[in-house]
């Protein structure tokens, strides 16, 4: 069952590169800031996407969430992305979190979440996640 929203951030794609041309693999990195577990946080992530039949992309990635107070959590994720009519991408998928935090991020340890991650043609990003209970 879907639980409460745990993150809401906005940011930018910070880099892209082709890892392989056969099969095609594209690496994308991003940085966002926003609220995670009700606390201002910064997120950095990198994922690798692979084209699939029908125009979708399959992606897997890793990331880190950090607060100014020193709390950290990491995530591993996977999802499916589709290009929109304006040149952006719309991703939907799942995240698995780990943390040693005993503060606000403590509930993220071994938690699973579903996410929405959207980009526009200019490289702006918007991400949201909901805990999967």
N, C-alpha and C. Protein backbone atom coordinates (compact mmCIF):
# COMPACT_ATOMS: atom_id res chain seq x y z
N UNK A 1 0.84 -1.17 0.00
CA UNK A 1 0.00 0.00 0.00
C UNK A 1 0.89 1.24 0.00
N UNK A 2 0.46 2.25 -0.73
CA UNK A 2 1.22 3.49 -0.75
C UNK A 2 1.06 4.23 0.56
N UNK A 3 2.18 4.69 1.09
CA UNK A 3 2.17 5.46 2.32
C UNK A 3 2.30 6.94 2.03
N UNK A 4 2.83 7.67 3.00
CA UNK A 4 2.94 9.12 2.86
C UNK A 4 4.07 9.51 1.92
N UNK A 5 3.94 10.72 1.37
CA UNK A 5 5.00 11.26 0.52
C UNK A 5 6.22 11.53 1.39
N UNK A 6 7.39 11.07 0.94
CA UNK A 6 8.60 11.25 1.73
C UNK A 6 9.59 12.23 1.11
N UNK A 7 9.40 12.58 -0.17
CA UNK A 7 10.32 13.54 -0.77
C UNK A 7 9.65 14.33 -1.88
N UNK A 8 10.17 15.55 -2.08
CA UNK A 8 9.69 16.45 -3.12
C UNK A 8 10.84 17.38 -3.45
N UNK A 9 11.44 17.23 -4.62
CA UNK A 9 12.61 18.04 -4.96
C UNK A 9 12.60 18.53 -6.38
N UNK A 10 13.42 19.55 -6.62
CA UNK A 10 13.61 20.10 -7.96
C UNK A 10 15.10 20.32 -8.17
N UNK A 11 15.54 20.21 -9.42
CA UNK A 11 16.96 20.39 -9.68
C UNK A 11 17.30 20.41 -11.15
N UNK A 12 18.50 19.90 -11.47
CA UNK A 12 19.02 19.94 -12.84
C UNK A 12 19.77 18.65 -13.15
N UNK A 13 19.75 18.29 -14.42
CA UNK A 13 20.65 17.25 -14.90
C UNK A 13 22.04 17.88 -14.95
N UNK A 14 23.02 17.22 -14.36
CA UNK A 14 24.37 17.78 -14.26
C UNK A 14 25.34 17.17 -15.25
N UNK A 15 24.97 16.08 -15.90
CA UNK A 15 25.85 15.48 -16.89
C UNK A 15 25.24 14.26 -17.53
N UNK A 16 25.67 14.02 -18.77
CA UNK A 16 25.25 12.82 -19.49
C UNK A 16 26.43 12.34 -20.33
N UNK A 17 26.52 11.02 -20.49
CA UNK A 17 27.54 10.46 -21.37
C UNK A 17 27.09 9.10 -21.87
N UNK A 18 27.61 8.72 -23.02
CA UNK A 18 27.32 7.42 -23.60
C UNK A 18 28.34 6.43 -23.05
N UNK A 19 27.87 5.39 -22.37
CA UNK A 19 28.76 4.36 -21.84
C UNK A 19 29.06 3.29 -22.87
N UNK A 20 28.09 3.01 -23.73
CA UNK A 20 28.25 1.99 -24.76
C UNK A 20 27.32 2.33 -25.91
N UNK A 21 27.77 2.03 -27.13
CA UNK A 21 26.90 2.25 -28.28
C UNK A 21 26.26 0.95 -28.77
N UNK A 22 26.77 -0.20 -28.32
CA UNK A 22 26.20 -1.48 -28.74
C UNK A 22 26.36 -2.50 -27.63
N UNK A 23 25.39 -2.67 -26.75
CA UNK A 23 24.08 -2.01 -26.76
C UNK A 23 24.19 -0.58 -26.21
N UNK A 24 23.29 0.28 -26.65
CA UNK A 24 23.29 1.67 -26.20
C UNK A 24 23.00 1.77 -24.71
N UNK A 25 23.89 2.46 -23.99
CA UNK A 25 23.71 2.74 -22.56
C UNK A 25 24.10 4.19 -22.32
N UNK A 26 23.19 4.95 -21.72
CA UNK A 26 23.42 6.37 -21.45
C UNK A 26 23.39 6.60 -19.95
N UNK A 27 24.44 7.24 -19.44
CA UNK A 27 24.53 7.58 -18.02
C UNK A 27 24.07 9.03 -17.83
N UNK A 28 23.23 9.26 -16.85
CA UNK A 28 22.72 10.59 -16.53
C UNK A 28 22.90 10.85 -15.04
N UNK A 29 23.46 12.02 -14.70
CA UNK A 29 23.59 12.43 -13.30
C UNK A 29 22.74 13.67 -13.07
N UNK A 30 22.23 13.81 -11.83
CA UNK A 30 21.40 14.95 -11.50
C UNK A 30 21.65 15.37 -10.06
N UNK A 31 21.23 16.59 -9.77
CA UNK A 31 21.30 17.14 -8.41
C UNK A 31 19.99 17.85 -8.14
N UNK A 32 19.40 17.59 -6.97
CA UNK A 32 18.14 18.24 -6.59
C UNK A 32 18.22 18.74 -5.16
N UNK A 33 17.36 19.68 -4.84
CA UNK A 33 17.18 20.09 -3.45
C UNK A 33 15.68 20.17 -3.18
N UNK A 34 15.32 19.98 -1.92
CA UNK A 34 13.91 19.99 -1.55
C UNK A 34 13.71 19.39 -0.18
N UNK A 35 12.53 18.87 0.06
CA UNK A 35 12.20 18.28 1.35
C UNK A 35 12.26 16.75 1.29
N UNK A 36 12.93 16.16 2.26
CA UNK A 36 12.96 14.71 2.44
C UNK A 36 12.62 14.44 3.90
N UNK A 37 11.57 13.70 4.15
CA UNK A 37 11.12 13.41 5.52
C UNK A 37 10.88 14.72 6.29
N UNK A 38 10.43 15.76 5.58
CA UNK A 38 10.13 17.04 6.19
C UNK A 38 11.33 17.92 6.48
N UNK A 39 12.52 17.53 6.02
CA UNK A 39 13.76 18.27 6.28
C UNK A 39 14.36 18.72 4.95
N UNK A 40 14.89 19.96 4.91
CA UNK A 40 15.60 20.42 3.71
C UNK A 40 16.78 19.50 3.45
N UNK A 41 16.89 19.03 2.21
CA UNK A 41 17.96 18.09 1.86
C UNK A 41 18.41 18.32 0.42
N UNK A 42 19.60 17.80 0.13
CA UNK A 42 20.17 17.81 -1.21
C UNK A 42 20.31 16.36 -1.65
N UNK A 43 20.04 16.11 -2.92
CA UNK A 43 20.14 14.76 -3.46
C UNK A 43 21.02 14.78 -4.69
N UNK A 44 21.88 13.79 -4.80
CA UNK A 44 22.66 13.56 -6.02
C UNK A 44 22.40 12.13 -6.45
N UNK A 45 22.25 11.92 -7.76
CA UNK A 45 22.02 10.57 -8.25
C UNK A 45 22.57 10.38 -9.64
N UNK A 46 22.84 9.15 -9.98
CA UNK A 46 23.30 8.76 -11.31
C UNK A 46 22.58 7.49 -11.71
N UNK A 47 22.09 7.46 -12.95
CA UNK A 47 21.44 6.25 -13.44
C UNK A 47 21.87 5.97 -14.87
N UNK A 48 21.78 4.71 -15.23
CA UNK A 48 22.11 4.27 -16.59
C UNK A 48 20.82 3.80 -17.23
N UNK A 49 20.54 4.32 -18.43
CA UNK A 49 19.32 3.94 -19.14
C UNK A 49 19.65 3.17 -20.41
N UNK A 50 18.76 2.23 -20.73
CA UNK A 50 18.92 1.35 -21.88
C UNK A 50 17.60 1.37 -22.65
N UNK A 51 17.64 1.68 -23.97
CA UNK A 51 16.41 1.67 -24.77
C UNK A 51 15.79 0.27 -24.84
N UNK A 52 14.47 0.24 -24.81
CA UNK A 52 13.71 -1.00 -24.91
C UNK A 52 12.74 -0.90 -26.09
N UNK A 53 12.27 -2.03 -26.61
CA UNK A 53 11.30 -2.00 -27.71
C UNK A 53 10.07 -1.16 -27.33
N UNK A 54 9.54 -0.45 -28.30
CA UNK A 54 8.36 0.37 -28.07
C UNK A 54 8.67 1.79 -27.63
N UNK A 55 9.95 2.15 -27.53
CA UNK A 55 10.32 3.52 -27.22
C UNK A 55 10.59 3.84 -25.77
N UNK A 56 10.40 2.89 -24.88
CA UNK A 56 10.66 3.14 -23.45
C UNK A 56 12.15 2.96 -23.15
N UNK A 57 12.57 3.50 -22.02
CA UNK A 57 13.93 3.30 -21.50
C UNK A 57 13.82 2.59 -20.16
N UNK A 58 14.72 1.65 -19.92
CA UNK A 58 14.84 1.03 -18.60
C UNK A 58 16.05 1.64 -17.94
N UNK A 59 15.93 2.03 -16.66
CA UNK A 59 17.04 2.65 -15.96
C UNK A 59 17.28 2.06 -14.59
N UNK A 60 18.57 2.03 -14.20
CA UNK A 60 18.97 1.64 -12.85
C UNK A 60 19.95 2.68 -12.35
N UNK A 61 19.86 3.01 -11.04
CA UNK A 61 20.75 4.04 -10.52
C UNK A 61 20.99 3.95 -9.04
N UNK A 62 21.82 4.89 -8.58
CA UNK A 62 22.21 5.01 -7.18
C UNK A 62 22.22 6.48 -6.82
N UNK A 63 21.98 6.78 -5.54
CA UNK A 63 22.02 8.17 -5.13
C UNK A 63 22.23 8.32 -3.64
N UNK A 64 22.38 9.58 -3.23
CA UNK A 64 22.57 9.91 -1.83
C UNK A 64 21.73 11.14 -1.50
N UNK A 65 21.16 11.15 -0.30
CA UNK A 65 20.42 12.28 0.26
C UNK A 65 21.21 12.80 1.44
N UNK A 66 21.35 14.13 1.55
CA UNK A 66 22.12 14.72 2.64
C UNK A 66 21.42 15.96 3.16
N UNK A 67 21.43 16.12 4.49
CA UNK A 67 20.91 17.34 5.11
C UNK A 67 22.07 18.21 5.57
N UNK A 68 21.80 19.49 5.82
CA UNK A 68 22.82 20.38 6.37
C UNK A 68 23.26 19.93 7.75
N UNK A 69 22.38 19.22 8.46
CA UNK A 69 22.70 18.72 9.79
C UNK A 69 23.53 17.45 9.80
N UNK A 70 23.86 16.93 8.62
CA UNK A 70 24.74 15.78 8.54
C UNK A 70 24.07 14.43 8.37
N UNK A 71 22.75 14.40 8.29
CA UNK A 71 22.09 13.11 8.05
C UNK A 71 22.29 12.70 6.60
N UNK A 72 22.44 11.40 6.39
CA UNK A 72 22.61 10.87 5.04
C UNK A 72 21.79 9.59 4.88
N UNK A 73 21.34 9.37 3.66
CA UNK A 73 20.70 8.11 3.28
C UNK A 73 21.09 7.84 1.84
N UNK A 74 21.24 6.58 1.49
CA UNK A 74 21.54 6.20 0.12
C UNK A 74 20.35 5.45 -0.46
N UNK A 75 20.29 5.44 -1.79
CA UNK A 75 19.23 4.68 -2.45
C UNK A 75 19.76 3.96 -3.68
N UNK A 76 19.09 2.87 -4.00
CA UNK A 76 19.26 2.17 -5.27
C UNK A 76 17.88 2.15 -5.89
N UNK A 77 17.83 2.34 -7.20
CA UNK A 77 16.52 2.40 -7.83
C UNK A 77 16.50 1.84 -9.23
N UNK A 78 15.30 1.60 -9.71
CA UNK A 78 15.10 1.20 -11.09
C UNK A 78 13.74 1.71 -11.54
N UNK A 79 13.61 1.91 -12.85
CA UNK A 79 12.35 2.40 -13.36
C UNK A 79 12.29 2.39 -14.87
N UNK A 80 11.17 2.86 -15.38
CA UNK A 80 10.92 2.94 -16.81
C UNK A 80 10.63 4.39 -17.16
N UNK A 81 11.27 4.87 -18.23
CA UNK A 81 11.08 6.24 -18.68
C UNK A 81 10.52 6.30 -20.09
N UNK A 82 9.73 7.34 -20.32
CA UNK A 82 9.18 7.58 -21.65
C UNK A 82 9.33 9.06 -21.97
N UNK A 83 9.66 9.35 -23.23
CA UNK A 83 9.81 10.73 -23.67
C UNK A 83 8.44 11.35 -23.87
N UNK A 84 8.31 12.64 -23.47
CA UNK A 84 7.05 13.34 -23.69
C UNK A 84 7.12 14.15 -24.98
N UNK A 85 6.03 14.78 -25.35
CA UNK A 85 5.93 15.51 -26.61
C UNK A 85 6.83 16.74 -26.66
N UNK A 86 7.29 17.23 -25.50
CA UNK A 86 8.11 18.44 -25.44
C UNK A 86 9.60 18.15 -25.29
N UNK A 87 10.01 16.89 -25.43
CA UNK A 87 11.43 16.55 -25.35
C UNK A 87 11.92 16.20 -23.96
N UNK A 88 11.04 16.17 -22.99
CA UNK A 88 11.42 15.77 -21.64
C UNK A 88 11.21 14.28 -21.45
N UNK A 89 11.50 13.82 -20.25
CA UNK A 89 11.32 12.40 -19.91
C UNK A 89 10.46 12.29 -18.66
N UNK A 90 9.67 11.23 -18.62
CA UNK A 90 8.83 10.94 -17.47
C UNK A 90 9.19 9.53 -16.99
N UNK A 91 9.76 9.45 -15.77
CA UNK A 91 10.21 8.18 -15.19
C UNK A 91 9.30 7.78 -14.04
N UNK A 92 9.03 6.48 -13.93
CA UNK A 92 8.29 5.91 -12.81
C UNK A 92 9.01 4.66 -12.37
N UNK A 93 9.15 4.47 -11.05
CA UNK A 93 9.87 3.30 -10.60
C UNK A 93 9.89 3.14 -9.09
N UNK A 94 10.89 2.42 -8.61
CA UNK A 94 10.99 2.02 -7.22
C UNK A 94 12.38 2.33 -6.67
N UNK A 95 12.45 2.73 -5.40
CA UNK A 95 13.71 3.02 -4.71
C UNK A 95 13.82 2.16 -3.46
N UNK A 96 15.04 1.77 -3.14
CA UNK A 96 15.33 1.05 -1.89
C UNK A 96 16.35 1.89 -1.13
N UNK A 97 16.02 2.27 0.10
CA UNK A 97 16.87 3.16 0.91
C UNK A 97 17.64 2.41 1.99
N UNK A 98 18.79 2.98 2.34
CA UNK A 98 19.55 2.53 3.51
C UNK A 98 20.11 3.77 4.20
N UNK A 99 20.15 3.74 5.53
CA UNK A 99 20.75 4.82 6.31
C UNK A 99 21.14 4.30 7.69
N UNK A 100 22.11 4.97 8.28
CA UNK A 100 22.47 4.70 9.67
C UNK A 100 21.98 5.83 10.57
N UNK A 101 21.20 6.74 9.98
CA UNK A 101 20.67 7.88 10.72
C UNK A 101 19.78 7.44 11.87
N UNK A 102 19.87 8.19 12.97
CA UNK A 102 18.96 7.98 14.10
C UNK A 102 18.01 9.17 14.23
N UNK A 103 18.09 10.10 13.26
CA UNK A 103 17.25 11.30 13.28
C UNK A 103 16.06 11.16 12.34
N UNK A 104 15.77 12.24 11.62
CA UNK A 104 14.61 12.29 10.72
C UNK A 104 14.67 11.24 9.61
N UNK A 105 15.88 10.87 9.18
CA UNK A 105 16.01 9.89 8.10
C UNK A 105 15.91 8.44 8.59
N UNK A 106 15.86 8.21 9.90
CA UNK A 106 15.84 6.84 10.44
C UNK A 106 14.75 5.96 9.81
N UNK A 107 13.53 6.47 9.56
CA UNK A 107 12.50 5.61 8.96
C UNK A 107 12.83 5.16 7.53
N UNK A 108 13.84 5.76 6.91
CA UNK A 108 14.21 5.36 5.56
C UNK A 108 15.03 4.08 5.53
N UNK A 109 15.60 3.66 6.66
CA UNK A 109 16.45 2.48 6.64
C UNK A 109 15.65 1.25 6.22
N UNK A 110 16.13 0.60 5.16
CA UNK A 110 15.49 -0.58 4.57
C UNK A 110 14.08 -0.31 4.05
N UNK A 111 13.77 0.95 3.78
CA UNK A 111 12.46 1.32 3.25
C UNK A 111 12.45 1.23 1.72
N UNK A 112 11.27 0.98 1.19
CA UNK A 112 11.04 0.97 -0.25
C UNK A 112 10.06 2.09 -0.57
N UNK A 113 10.28 2.74 -1.72
CA UNK A 113 9.39 3.82 -2.13
C UNK A 113 9.15 3.73 -3.63
N UNK A 114 8.04 4.28 -4.07
CA UNK A 114 7.79 4.46 -5.50
C UNK A 114 8.05 5.92 -5.82
N UNK A 115 8.52 6.17 -7.05
CA UNK A 115 8.88 7.55 -7.39
C UNK A 115 8.32 7.97 -8.74
N UNK A 116 8.22 9.30 -8.88
CA UNK A 116 7.99 9.98 -10.15
C UNK A 116 9.18 10.91 -10.34
N UNK A 117 9.81 10.86 -11.50
CA UNK A 117 10.95 11.72 -11.79
C UNK A 117 10.78 12.24 -13.21
N UNK A 118 10.58 13.54 -13.34
CA UNK A 118 10.32 14.14 -14.64
C UNK A 118 11.41 15.15 -14.99
N UNK A 119 11.76 15.19 -16.27
CA UNK A 119 12.72 16.18 -16.76
C UNK A 119 12.08 16.92 -17.92
N UNK A 120 12.57 18.14 -18.16
CA UNK A 120 12.13 18.87 -19.35
C UNK A 120 13.28 18.96 -20.34
N UNK A 121 13.03 19.55 -21.50
CA UNK A 121 14.03 19.62 -22.56
C UNK A 121 15.23 20.47 -22.17
N UNK A 122 15.10 21.33 -21.16
CA UNK A 122 16.20 22.19 -20.71
C UNK A 122 17.03 21.53 -19.61
N UNK A 123 16.67 20.33 -19.19
CA UNK A 123 17.43 19.62 -18.17
C UNK A 123 16.98 19.88 -16.74
N UNK A 124 15.84 20.54 -16.56
CA UNK A 124 15.29 20.72 -15.21
C UNK A 124 14.64 19.42 -14.75
N UNK A 125 14.72 19.15 -13.46
CA UNK A 125 14.16 17.91 -12.92
C UNK A 125 13.15 18.20 -11.81
N UNK A 126 12.23 17.28 -11.62
CA UNK A 126 11.28 17.33 -10.51
C UNK A 126 11.03 15.90 -10.08
N UNK A 127 11.31 15.62 -8.81
CA UNK A 127 11.15 14.26 -8.30
C UNK A 127 10.31 14.21 -7.04
N UNK A 128 9.51 13.15 -6.92
CA UNK A 128 8.69 12.91 -5.73
C UNK A 128 8.74 11.42 -5.43
N UNK A 129 8.66 11.08 -4.14
CA UNK A 129 8.62 9.67 -3.75
C UNK A 129 7.64 9.46 -2.61
N UNK A 130 7.02 8.27 -2.59
CA UNK A 130 6.07 7.87 -1.57
C UNK A 130 6.52 6.55 -0.98
N UNK A 131 6.51 6.46 0.34
CA UNK A 131 6.91 5.22 1.00
C UNK A 131 5.92 4.11 0.63
N UNK A 132 6.47 2.94 0.37
CA UNK A 132 5.66 1.78 0.04
C UNK A 132 5.56 0.93 1.29
N UNK A 133 4.38 0.92 1.90
CA UNK A 133 4.17 0.23 3.19
C UNK A 133 3.94 -1.25 2.99
